Amino acid sequence: MKKIHIDLRSDTVTKPSLEMREAMFHAEVGDDVYSEDPTVNRLQKRVAELLGKEDALFVPSGTMSNQIAIKSHTFPGQEVICEENCHIFNYEAGGPAFNSLVQLRTLRGKYGILNIDDVRRAIRPDNIHAPKTALITLENTHNRAGGTIYPIENIKEIYSLAFPKGIPMHLDGARLLNAVVVTRISAKEYSKYFDSVSLCFSKGLGAPIGSVLAGSKEFISKARKYRKIFGGGMRQVGILAAACIYALDNNVERLAEDHKSARRLAEGLRELPGIYIDMAQVQTNMVMIHVRHPKFTPESLSKAILERGLAALAIDSERIRAVTHLDISTEQIEEAIFIFQQILRD
């Protein structure tokens, strides 16, 4: 097998640039468990302002951020509504049950977007036999739907249903800024309909680690305690927060380049034999490649391209996911198309 030289498995594989490393090297630090790291404090304040929230909390990962949010919003025995393909349900190792003793009520969405009538029906009545609906979570952009953007009007609809019933909403906004760059709707506007928002820096923004959870001061005070319980209390972590600040300063608008690369990749692959791509899904930096070839499955095709140095993930029995990011050049996109062409046309 060749060494991987075009890595489209995920935007999590990005490496910090020399300039980002320089910012990390010069970061002023302190003990963040005591809230004394000035760089972390600066990052938290900046993200809170970006999302229009009172306060924010720096955590190691998006999974921890989502799990702290669920823990802070719920009590054991309650229920959380989510879309069936969301990250919280599929990729967080049963965390809601393990950490918070809550169950998930999964609903089927279209491109990851929930139908308001399905949400209305899923909200539990005040009945001794039913768990209390304690939280609704949405994901923007939606990973398993192919990086699709959650329309702001749909978010408003669900908010208008949840708010009068006193049901809080959490946004898994790991790739929220991808949506912002495409729609030009501000992060603050997206976030105003949610009681808590998680923003990830270790994906398209290119930082080596870190997410920030934002909400009210009361919510973040509770979240800080759970971060400690979950083992996420960090010390001189300004070194990592500096990378996130650098990302906000330099890597947000360039996400448009990743979106352009994904569109080019999709256009280059869509006509190949045995491949189907739903172009309506190609909205940001992901391409879902449906494999309908008599000689290949997603797993065998992913192995075949890997032999030529191209890596992309077979995420289920039907699809390969390719994710563009800041470490992928336009030349590499063309090479990736050529590799698929060689294999499928031969």
Protein backbone atom coordinates (compact mmCIF):
# COMPACT_ATOMS: atom_id res chain seq x y z
CA MET A 1 0.00 0.00 0.00
CA LYS A 2 1.24 3.46 -0.86
CA LYS A 3 1.64 6.08 1.81
CA ILE A 4 -1.45 8.31 2.06
CA HIS A 5 -0.78 11.53 0.17
CA ILE A 6 -4.36 12.66 -0.42
CA ASP A 7 -6.30 12.31 2.82
CA LEU A 8 -10.03 12.86 2.40
CA ARG A 9 -11.10 10.76 5.39
CA SER A 10 -12.09 13.80 7.44
CA ASP A 11 -11.30 17.45 8.07
CA THR A 12 -10.07 16.28 11.50
CA VAL A 13 -6.78 15.21 9.86
CA THR A 14 -5.69 18.82 9.32
CA LYS A 15 -2.37 19.81 10.84
CA PRO A 16 -1.56 23.18 12.41
CA SER A 17 0.31 25.50 10.06
CA LEU A 18 3.68 27.00 10.94
CA GLU A 19 1.96 30.31 11.68
CA MET A 20 -0.51 28.58 14.00
CA ARG A 21 2.35 26.81 15.75
CA GLU A 22 4.07 30.15 16.18
CA ALA A 23 0.96 31.55 17.86
CA MET A 24 0.88 28.52 20.15
CA PHE A 25 4.55 28.96 21.04
CA HIS A 26 4.02 32.55 22.16
CA ALA A 27 0.76 31.94 24.05
CA GLU A 28 0.47 33.39 27.54
CA VAL A 29 -0.73 30.66 29.90
CA GLY A 30 -2.08 30.05 33.40
CA ASP A 31 -4.09 27.42 35.26
CA ASP A 32 -7.42 27.10 33.49
CA VAL A 33 -9.06 25.02 36.25
CA TYR A 34 -8.70 28.19 38.35
CA SER A 35 -9.88 30.25 35.33
CA GLU A 36 -6.43 31.87 35.28
CA ASP A 37 -5.31 31.12 31.73
CA PRO A 38 -5.52 34.48 29.92
CA THR A 39 -5.48 32.96 26.44
CA VAL A 40 -8.30 30.54 27.26
CA ASN A 41 -10.28 33.37 28.81
CA ARG A 42 -9.77 35.45 25.66
CA LEU A 43 -10.95 32.57 23.45
CA GLN A 44 -14.02 31.92 25.60
CA LYS A 45 -15.00 35.58 25.57
CA ARG A 46 -14.50 35.78 21.82
CA VAL A 47 -16.63 32.70 21.09
CA ALA A 48 -19.36 33.86 23.47
CA GLU A 49 -19.53 37.15 21.57
CA LEU A 50 -19.41 35.36 18.20
CA LEU A 51 -22.38 33.18 19.18
CA GLY A 52 -24.27 35.86 21.08
CA LYS A 53 -24.07 34.07 24.42
CA GLU A 54 -23.19 35.26 27.92
CA ASP A 55 -20.33 32.85 28.53
CA ALA A 56 -18.37 29.96 27.04
CA LEU A 57 -16.17 27.03 28.08
CA PHE A 58 -13.14 25.53 26.33
CA VAL A 59 -13.16 21.71 26.26
CA PRO A 60 -10.94 19.07 24.62
CA SER A 61 -13.43 17.74 22.05
CA GLY A 62 -16.79 18.17 20.37
CA THR A 63 -18.01 14.96 21.93
CA MET A 64 -17.22 16.23 25.41
CA SER A 65 -18.89 19.53 24.58
CA ASN A 66 -22.10 17.82 23.46
CA GLN A 67 -22.08 15.42 26.41
CA ILE A 68 -21.58 18.22 28.93
CA ALA A 69 -24.46 20.09 27.32
CA ILE A 70 -26.78 17.09 27.59
CA LYS A 71 -25.73 16.52 31.21
CA SER A 72 -26.30 20.19 32.06
CA HIS A 73 -29.75 20.33 30.47
CA THR A 74 -31.22 17.05 31.73
CA PHE A 75 -31.86 14.78 34.69
CA PRO A 76 -31.69 10.95 34.68
CA GLY A 77 -34.72 9.24 33.16
CA GLN A 78 -35.54 12.07 30.78
CA GLU A 79 -35.54 12.02 26.97
CA VAL A 80 -33.64 13.93 24.28
CA ILE A 81 -35.00 14.38 20.75
CA CYS A 82 -32.46 14.14 17.94
CA GLU A 83 -32.18 13.20 14.27
CA GLU A 84 -31.36 9.53 13.69
CA ASN A 85 -28.13 10.20 11.77
CA CYS A 86 -26.77 12.88 14.07
CA HIS A 87 -23.30 12.76 15.60
CA ILE A 88 -24.61 12.55 19.17
CA PHE A 89 -26.50 9.35 18.40
CA ASN A 90 -24.01 7.65 16.06
CA TYR A 91 -20.51 8.72 17.09
CA GLU A 92 -20.45 9.47 20.80
CA ALA A 93 -20.34 5.90 22.10
CA GLY A 94 -23.70 5.92 23.86
CA GLY A 95 -22.61 8.92 25.91
CA PRO A 96 -26.10 10.23 26.74
CA ALA A 97 -27.01 6.93 28.41
CA PHE A 98 -23.60 6.44 30.01
CA ASN A 99 -23.04 9.98 31.30
CA SER A 100 -26.52 11.40 31.78
CA LEU A 101 -28.82 8.35 32.12
CA VAL A 102 -31.16 9.75 29.49
CA GLN A 103 -32.61 8.07 26.43
CA LEU A 104 -32.57 9.41 22.89
CA ARG A 105 -35.74 9.75 20.82
CA THR A 106 -34.45 9.55 17.25
CA LEU A 107 -36.43 10.96 14.33
CA ARG A 108 -35.78 10.46 10.63
CA GLY A 109 -34.86 13.64 8.83
CA LYS A 110 -34.32 14.56 5.20
CA TYR A 111 -30.72 15.67 4.64
CA GLY A 112 -30.52 15.67 8.44
CA ILE A 113 -33.39 18.16 8.76
CA LEU A 114 -36.31 17.29 11.02
CA ASN A 115 -39.92 17.72 10.00
CA ILE A 116 -41.71 20.00 12.45
CA ASP A 117 -44.73 17.69 12.65
CA ASP A 118 -42.48 14.76 13.60
CA VAL A 119 -40.94 16.86 16.36
CA ARG A 120 -44.38 17.90 17.61
CA ARG A 121 -45.51 14.28 17.80
CA ALA A 122 -42.28 13.22 19.54
CA ILE A 123 -42.66 15.64 22.44
CA ARG A 124 -43.96 13.58 25.33
CA PRO A 125 -47.24 14.42 27.06
CA ASP A 126 -47.32 15.12 30.77
CA ASN A 127 -48.07 11.53 31.65
CA ILE A 128 -46.88 9.29 34.46
CA HIS A 129 -45.94 6.60 31.94
CA ALA A 130 -43.76 8.79 29.72
CA PRO A 131 -40.27 10.25 30.19
CA LYS A 132 -40.10 14.03 30.15
CA THR A 133 -38.87 15.59 26.90
CA ALA A 134 -35.94 17.53 28.31
CA LEU A 135 -33.95 18.67 25.26
CA ILE A 136 -33.98 18.95 21.47
CA THR A 137 -30.64 18.75 19.65
CA LEU A 138 -29.90 19.77 16.07
CA GLU A 139 -26.68 19.48 14.03
CA ASN A 140 -25.41 22.17 11.64
CA THR A 141 -23.79 21.35 9.32
CA HIS A 142 -24.95 17.72 9.34
CA ASN A 143 -22.14 15.21 9.01
CA ARG A 144 -23.84 11.98 7.91
CA ALA A 145 -26.21 13.89 5.64
CA GLY A 146 -23.17 15.05 3.68
CA GLY A 147 -22.31 18.39 5.27
CA THR A 148 -25.79 19.78 4.63
CA ILE A 149 -26.81 23.14 6.07
CA TYR A 150 -29.75 23.34 8.49
CA PRO A 151 -32.10 25.98 7.05
CA ILE A 152 -32.66 28.85 9.46
CA GLU A 153 -36.43 28.76 8.85
CA ASN A 154 -36.59 25.14 10.01
CA ILE A 155 -34.63 26.05 13.12
CA LYS A 156 -37.08 28.88 13.86
CA GLU A 157 -40.02 26.50 13.46
CA ILE A 158 -38.63 24.02 15.98
CA TYR A 159 -37.71 26.83 18.37
CA SER A 160 -41.25 28.22 18.18
CA LEU A 161 -42.53 24.78 19.17
CA ALA A 162 -39.98 24.13 21.94
CA PHE A 163 -39.80 27.53 23.64
CA PRO A 164 -43.44 27.78 24.84
CA LYS A 165 -43.14 24.28 26.28
CA GLY A 166 -39.95 25.16 28.17
CA ILE A 167 -37.86 22.63 26.24
CA PRO A 168 -34.27 23.84 25.77
CA MET A 169 -32.41 23.36 22.49
CA HIS A 170 -28.76 22.46 21.92
CA LEU A 171 -26.87 22.98 18.67
CA ASP A 172 -24.07 20.63 17.73
CA GLY A 173 -22.38 23.31 15.65
CA ALA A 174 -19.10 21.48 15.14
CA ARG A 175 -19.03 22.82 11.56
CA LEU A 176 -21.35 25.79 12.09
CA LEU A 177 -18.91 28.22 10.48
CA ASN A 178 -19.05 26.22 7.25
CA ALA A 179 -22.76 27.06 7.16
CA VAL A 180 -22.05 30.70 7.99
CA VAL A 181 -19.57 31.04 5.11
CA VAL A 182 -22.06 29.62 2.60
CA THR A 183 -25.26 31.36 3.72
CA ARG A 184 -23.74 34.60 5.11
CA ILE A 185 -26.15 34.17 8.03
CA SER A 186 -24.16 35.09 11.14
CA ALA A 187 -23.20 32.57 13.77
CA LYS A 188 -25.06 34.77 16.25
CA GLU A 189 -28.27 34.55 14.22
CA TYR A 190 -28.05 30.75 13.99
CA SER A 191 -27.27 30.50 17.71
CA LYS A 192 -30.02 32.76 19.06
CA TYR A 193 -32.55 29.91 18.88
CA PHE A 194 -30.46 27.59 21.06
CA ASP A 195 -29.81 27.53 24.79
CA SER A 196 -26.36 26.05 24.17
CA VAL A 197 -24.05 25.80 21.17
CA SER A 198 -20.94 23.69 20.58
CA LEU A 199 -18.31 24.95 18.11
CA CYS A 200 -15.36 22.77 17.05
CA PHE A 201 -11.90 24.04 16.09
CA SER A 202 -10.13 20.79 15.17
CA LYS A 203 -11.94 20.24 11.85
CA GLY A 204 -11.99 22.68 8.96
CA LEU A 205 -10.61 25.48 11.13
CA GLY A 206 -7.35 23.55 11.38
CA ALA A 207 -6.56 23.64 15.11
CA PRO A 208 -5.03 20.49 16.64
CA ILE A 209 -7.64 20.13 19.38
CA GLY A 210 -10.53 21.83 21.07
CA SER A 211 -14.18 22.84 21.09
CA VAL A 212 -16.04 25.62 22.88
CA LEU A 213 -19.45 25.28 24.51
CA ALA A 214 -21.46 28.49 24.86
CA GLY A 215 -24.60 29.45 26.78
CA SER A 216 -25.84 31.53 29.68
CA LYS A 217 -23.62 32.25 32.67
CA GLU A 218 -25.70 29.91 34.81
CA PHE A 219 -25.46 27.15 32.19
CA ILE A 220 -21.69 27.51 31.77
CA SER A 221 -21.18 27.50 35.54
CA LYS A 222 -22.91 24.12 35.66
CA ALA A 223 -21.02 22.95 32.56
CA ARG A 224 -17.68 23.86 34.15
CA LYS A 225 -18.44 21.52 37.05
CA TYR A 226 -19.34 18.68 34.67
CA ARG A 227 -16.22 19.32 32.62
CA LYS A 228 -14.21 18.67 35.76
CA ILE A 229 -16.19 15.52 36.58
CA PHE A 230 -15.73 14.23 33.02
CA GLY A 231 -11.97 14.71 33.31
CA GLY A 232 -11.81 17.71 31.00
CA GLY A 233 -10.34 20.19 33.46
CA MET A 234 -7.08 21.34 31.87
CA ARG A 235 -4.22 23.40 33.19
CA GLN A 236 -1.87 25.57 31.07
CA VAL A 237 -4.04 25.02 28.02
CA GLY A 238 -3.61 28.47 26.52
CA ILE A 239 -1.14 26.83 24.15
CA LEU A 240 -4.11 25.11 22.51
CA ALA A 241 -6.51 28.02 22.87
CA ALA A 242 -4.03 30.17 20.94
CA ALA A 243 -4.43 27.83 17.97
CA CYS A 244 -8.20 28.34 18.10
CA ILE A 245 -7.83 32.11 18.21
CA TYR A 246 -5.50 31.92 15.23
CA ALA A 247 -8.11 29.82 13.42
CA LEU A 248 -10.81 32.42 14.04
CA ASP A 249 -8.53 35.16 12.71
CA ASN A 250 -7.29 33.32 9.63
CA ASN A 251 -9.19 30.14 8.73
CA VAL A 252 -12.88 31.00 8.64
CA GLU A 253 -13.34 32.67 5.24
CA ARG A 254 -10.98 30.19 3.61
CA LEU A 255 -13.57 27.46 4.30
CA ALA A 256 -15.07 28.60 0.99
CA GLU A 257 -12.06 27.01 -0.73
CA ASP A 258 -12.95 23.64 0.82
CA HIS A 259 -16.52 24.00 -0.40
CA LYS A 260 -15.28 24.74 -3.92
CA SER A 261 -13.00 21.69 -3.79
CA ALA A 262 -15.86 19.44 -2.69
CA ARG A 263 -18.05 20.69 -5.53
CA ARG A 264 -15.28 20.03 -8.05
CA LEU A 265 -14.70 16.53 -6.65
CA ALA A 266 -18.42 15.74 -6.85
CA GLU A 267 -18.67 17.00 -10.42
CA GLY A 268 -15.62 14.97 -11.41
CA LEU A 269 -16.98 11.73 -9.94
CA ARG A 270 -20.71 11.91 -10.65
CA GLU A 271 -20.49 10.60 -14.22
CA LEU A 272 -18.26 7.63 -13.44
CA PRO A 273 -19.72 4.13 -13.87
CA GLY A 274 -21.09 2.68 -10.65
CA ILE A 275 -21.10 6.02 -8.82
CA TYR A 276 -24.07 8.11 -7.75
CA ILE A 277 -23.75 11.51 -6.07
CA ASP A 278 -26.75 13.52 -4.89
CA MET A 279 -25.56 17.01 -5.81
CA ALA A 280 -28.20 18.57 -3.56
CA GLN A 281 -26.17 17.23 -0.63
CA VAL A 282 -22.93 18.87 -1.75
CA GLN A 283 -23.40 22.12 0.16
CA THR A 284 -20.16 22.51 2.10
CA ASN A 285 -16.99 20.40 2.33
CA MET A 286 -18.28 16.83 2.05
CA VAL A 287 -19.08 14.48 -0.81
CA MET A 288 -21.14 11.34 -0.22
CA ILE A 289 -20.14 8.83 -2.90
CA HIS A 290 -22.82 6.16 -3.36
CA VAL A 291 -21.20 3.00 -4.73
CA ARG A 292 -23.46 1.06 -7.11
CA HIS A 293 -20.83 -0.86 -9.02
CA PRO A 294 -21.05 -4.60 -9.82
CA LYS A 295 -17.44 -5.19 -8.78
CA PHE A 296 -17.08 -2.85 -5.82
CA THR A 297 -18.58 -2.18 -2.42
CA PRO A 298 -17.76 1.00 -0.52
CA GLU A 299 -15.26 -0.97 1.56
CA SER A 300 -13.50 -2.62 -1.39
CA LEU A 301 -13.43 0.61 -3.40
CA SER A 302 -11.98 2.53 -0.45
CA LYS A 303 -9.26 -0.12 -0.21
CA ALA A 304 -8.58 0.13 -3.95
CA ILE A 305 -8.10 3.90 -3.86
CA LEU A 306 -5.98 3.56 -0.72
CA GLU A 307 -3.58 1.38 -2.69
CA ARG A 308 -2.99 4.46 -4.83
CA GLY A 309 -2.46 6.79 -1.88
CA LEU A 310 -5.97 8.23 -1.70
CA ALA A 311 -7.87 7.82 1.58
CA ALA A 312 -11.64 8.22 2.04
CA LEU A 313 -13.94 6.49 4.52
CA ALA A 314 -16.54 3.84 3.76
CA ILE A 315 -19.10 5.04 6.31
CA ASP A 316 -21.74 2.38 5.66
CA SER A 317 -22.70 -0.38 3.23
CA GLU A 318 -23.64 2.14 0.52
CA ARG A 319 -21.40 5.19 0.79
CA ILE A 320 -17.88 6.52 0.88
CA ARG A 321 -17.45 9.94 2.47
CA ALA A 322 -14.82 12.34 1.13
CA VAL A 323 -14.08 15.51 3.11
CA THR A 324 -12.08 18.44 1.77
CA HIS A 325 -10.00 20.66 4.04
CA LEU A 326 -7.13 23.13 4.23
CA ASP A 327 -4.44 20.49 3.63
CA ILE A 328 -5.96 19.49 0.27
CA SER A 329 -4.91 21.43 -2.83
CA THR A 330 -6.76 21.86 -6.12
CA GLU A 331 -4.11 19.66 -7.73
CA GLN A 332 -4.85 16.89 -5.24
CA ILE A 333 -8.56 17.09 -6.02
CA GLU A 334 -7.79 16.55 -9.70
CA GLU A 335 -5.51 13.64 -8.81
CA ALA A 336 -8.25 12.11 -6.64
CA ILE A 337 -10.68 12.29 -9.56
CA PHE A 338 -8.09 10.66 -11.81
CA ILE A 339 -7.55 7.80 -9.33
CA PHE A 340 -11.28 7.04 -9.21
CA GLN A 341 -11.42 7.22 -13.01
CA GLN A 342 -8.54 4.76 -13.39
CA ILE A 343 -10.09 2.22 -11.06
CA LEU A 344 -13.71 2.42 -12.17
CA ARG A 345 -13.12 2.71 -15.91
CA ASP A 346 -10.58 -0.12 -15.90
